[in-house]
Amino acid sequence: PEAEKRTFQGKEYWVLEVNYDPEVGKDLWYFYFDPESFAMEAYQFYHDKTKNDGEYIMLEGEFLLNEMRLPKTRRWYTNREARHLGTDILQDL
């Protein structure tokens, strides 16, 4: 219910921690928002935070599709090693 300020990947963000009902999913999620624009710039999940498993996703740019704002680029990394897993890039139609 409350955001906290936290540094992630060298930048300060407002961070929301989200837990879902077990029927929806058991992962723990964090959503990172720019403190000035409030744009979401990253999100992260853990299957088990004590094991530092899961991934984080860095968002860049903006793609407008039918008045909906989507991240143009998503870069996926492992939490434990910060190993790059892949990049998704939206292309103009």
C-alpha atoms as a PDB file:
ATOM      1  CA  PRO A   1       0.000   0.000   0.000  1.00  0.00           C
ATOM      2  CA  GLU A   2       2.963   2.363   0.354  1.00  0.00           C
ATOM      3  CA  ALA A   3       5.858   3.173  -1.929  1.00  0.00           C
ATOM      4  CA  GLU A   4       9.361   3.569  -0.582  1.00  0.00           C
ATOM      5  CA  LYS A   5      12.420   5.241  -2.071  1.00  0.00           C
ATOM      6  CA  ARG A   6      15.163   2.824  -3.016  1.00  0.00           C
ATOM      7  CA  THR A   7      18.224   2.802  -5.253  1.00  0.00           C
ATOM      8  CA  PHE A   8      18.127   0.168  -7.987  1.00  0.00           C
ATOM      9  CA  GLN A   9      20.710  -0.211 -10.744  1.00  0.00           C
ATOM     10  CA  GLY A  10      22.344   3.074  -9.683  1.00  0.00           C
ATOM     11  CA  LYS A  11      19.170   5.188  -9.778  1.00  0.00           C
ATOM     12  CA  GLU A  12      16.739   6.231  -7.071  1.00  0.00           C
ATOM     13  CA  TYR A  13      13.128   5.103  -7.580  1.00  0.00           C
ATOM     14  CA  TRP A  14       9.793   4.953  -5.856  1.00  0.00           C
ATOM     15  CA  VAL A  15       9.265   1.220  -5.360  1.00  0.00           C
ATOM     16  CA  LEU A  16       6.067  -0.749  -4.836  1.00  0.00           C
ATOM     17  CA  GLU A  17       6.184  -4.298  -3.471  1.00  0.00           C
ATOM     18  CA  VAL A  18       3.299  -6.471  -4.668  1.00  0.00           C
ATOM     19  CA  ASN A  19       2.161  -9.855  -3.383  1.00  0.00           C
ATOM     20  CA  TYR A  20      -0.706 -11.602  -5.129  1.00  0.00           C
ATOM     21  CA  ASP A  21      -3.235 -14.052  -3.752  1.00  0.00           C
ATOM     22  CA  PRO A  22      -1.798 -17.596  -3.958  1.00  0.00           C
ATOM     23  CA  GLU A  23      -4.419 -18.564  -6.567  1.00  0.00           C
ATOM     24  CA  VAL A  24      -2.992 -15.849  -8.859  1.00  0.00           C
ATOM     25  CA  GLY A  25       0.703 -16.494  -8.253  1.00  0.00           C
ATOM     26  CA  LYS A  26       3.302 -16.883  -5.539  1.00  0.00           C
ATOM     27  CA  ASP A  27       6.015 -14.624  -6.932  1.00  0.00           C
ATOM     28  CA  LEU A  28       7.031 -11.423  -5.160  1.00  0.00           C
ATOM     29  CA  TRP A  29       7.040  -8.393  -7.489  1.00  0.00           C
ATOM     30  CA  TYR A  30       8.663  -4.948  -7.314  1.00  0.00           C
ATOM     31  CA  PHE A  31       7.729  -2.064  -9.604  1.00  0.00           C
ATOM     32  CA  TYR A  32      10.183   0.859  -9.980  1.00  0.00           C
ATOM     33  CA  PHE A  33       8.906   4.360 -10.799  1.00  0.00           C
ATOM     34  CA  ASP A  34      10.887   7.468 -11.726  1.00  0.00           C
ATOM     35  CA  PRO A  35      10.477   9.903  -8.783  1.00  0.00           C
ATOM     36  CA  GLU A  36       9.829  12.899 -11.060  1.00  0.00           C
ATOM     37  CA  SER A  37       7.756  11.572 -13.971  1.00  0.00           C
ATOM     38  CA  PHE A  38       6.300   8.543 -12.135  1.00  0.00           C
ATOM     39  CA  ALA A  39       6.906   6.482 -15.282  1.00  0.00           C
ATOM     40  CA  MET A  40       7.565   2.814 -14.577  1.00  0.00           C
ATOM     41  CA  GLU A  41      11.178   2.146 -15.641  1.00  0.00           C
ATOM     42  CA  ALA A  42      11.753  -1.361 -14.273  1.00  0.00           C
ATOM     43  CA  TYR A  43      10.109  -4.312 -12.627  1.00  0.00           C
ATOM     44  CA  GLN A  44      11.452  -7.357 -10.833  1.00  0.00           C
ATOM     45  CA  PHE A  45      10.194 -10.661  -9.504  1.00  0.00           C
ATOM     46  CA  TYR A  46      11.385 -13.431  -7.224  1.00  0.00           C
ATOM     47  CA  HIS A  47      10.121 -16.979  -6.902  1.00  0.00           C
ATOM     48  CA  ASP A  48      12.007 -17.135  -3.582  1.00  0.00           C
ATOM     49  CA  LYS A  49      13.710 -13.889  -2.512  1.00  0.00           C
ATOM     50  CA  THR A  50      15.986 -15.707  -0.027  1.00  0.00           C
ATOM     51  CA  LYS A  51      17.564 -17.498  -3.033  1.00  0.00           C
ATOM     52  CA  ASN A  52      17.824 -14.250  -5.065  1.00  0.00           C
ATOM     53  CA  ASP A  53      16.216 -16.045  -7.982  1.00  0.00           C
ATOM     54  CA  GLY A  54      13.932 -14.540 -10.591  1.00  0.00           C
ATOM     55  CA  GLU A  55      14.579 -11.680 -12.976  1.00  0.00           C
ATOM     56  CA  TYR A  56      14.469  -7.943 -13.425  1.00  0.00           C
ATOM     57  CA  ILE A  57      13.380  -6.080 -16.516  1.00  0.00           C
ATOM     58  CA  MET A  58      14.612  -2.605 -17.474  1.00  0.00           C
ATOM     59  CA  LEU A  59      12.308  -0.475 -19.641  1.00  0.00           C
ATOM     60  CA  GLU A  60      13.425   2.167 -22.141  1.00  0.00           C
ATOM     61  CA  GLY A  61      11.645   4.483 -24.537  1.00  0.00           C
ATOM     62  CA  GLU A  62       7.976   4.661 -25.330  1.00  0.00           C
ATOM     63  CA  PHE A  63       5.794   3.160 -28.032  1.00  0.00           C
ATOM     64  CA  LEU A  64       2.288   4.538 -28.569  1.00  0.00           C
ATOM     65  CA  LEU A  65      -0.248   1.971 -29.776  1.00  0.00           C
ATOM     66  CA  ASN A  66      -3.910   2.964 -30.038  1.00  0.00           C
ATOM     67  CA  GLU A  67      -3.429   5.630 -27.343  1.00  0.00           C
ATOM     68  CA  MET A  68      -1.760   3.104 -25.029  1.00  0.00           C
ATOM     69  CA  ARG A  69       1.804   3.831 -23.899  1.00  0.00           C
ATOM     70  CA  LEU A  70       4.065   0.775 -23.916  1.00  0.00           C
ATOM     71  CA  PRO A  71       7.787   0.437 -23.284  1.00  0.00           C
ATOM     72  CA  LYS A  72       9.667   0.373 -26.584  1.00  0.00           C
ATOM     73  CA  THR A  73      12.510  -1.761 -25.209  1.00  0.00           C
ATOM     74  CA  ARG A  74      12.570  -4.354 -22.418  1.00  0.00           C
ATOM     75  CA  ARG A  75      15.898  -5.835 -21.306  1.00  0.00           C
ATOM     76  CA  TRP A  76      15.699  -8.977 -19.147  1.00  0.00           C
ATOM     77  CA  TYR A  77      18.343  -9.937 -16.536  1.00  0.00           C
ATOM     78  CA  THR A  78      18.772 -12.576 -13.824  1.00  0.00           C
ATOM     79  CA  ASN A  79      18.628 -11.237 -10.267  1.00  0.00           C
ATOM     80  CA  ARG A  80      21.517 -13.345  -8.993  1.00  0.00           C
ATOM     81  CA  GLU A  81      24.175 -12.744 -11.667  1.00  0.00           C
ATOM     82  CA  ALA A  82      22.697  -9.747 -13.522  1.00  0.00           C
ATOM     83  CA  ARG A  83      23.169 -11.874 -16.652  1.00  0.00           C
ATOM     84  CA  HIS A  84      21.429 -10.478 -19.732  1.00  0.00           C
ATOM     85  CA  LEU A  85      18.754 -12.914 -20.904  1.00  0.00           C
ATOM     86  CA  GLY A  86      17.340 -11.082 -23.885  1.00  0.00           C
ATOM     87  CA  THR A  87      15.848  -7.891 -25.277  1.00  0.00           C
ATOM     88  CA  ASP A  88      12.368  -7.222 -26.654  1.00  0.00           C
ATOM     89  CA  ILE A  89      11.985  -4.237 -29.004  1.00  0.00           C
ATOM     90  CA  LEU A  90       8.616  -3.051 -30.319  1.00  0.00           C
ATOM     91  CA  GLN A  91       8.717  -2.046 -33.978  1.00  0.00           C
ATOM     92  CA  ASP A  92       6.473   0.421 -35.787  1.00  0.00           C
ATOM     93  CA  LEU A  93       3.781  -1.302 -37.806  1.00  0.00           C
END
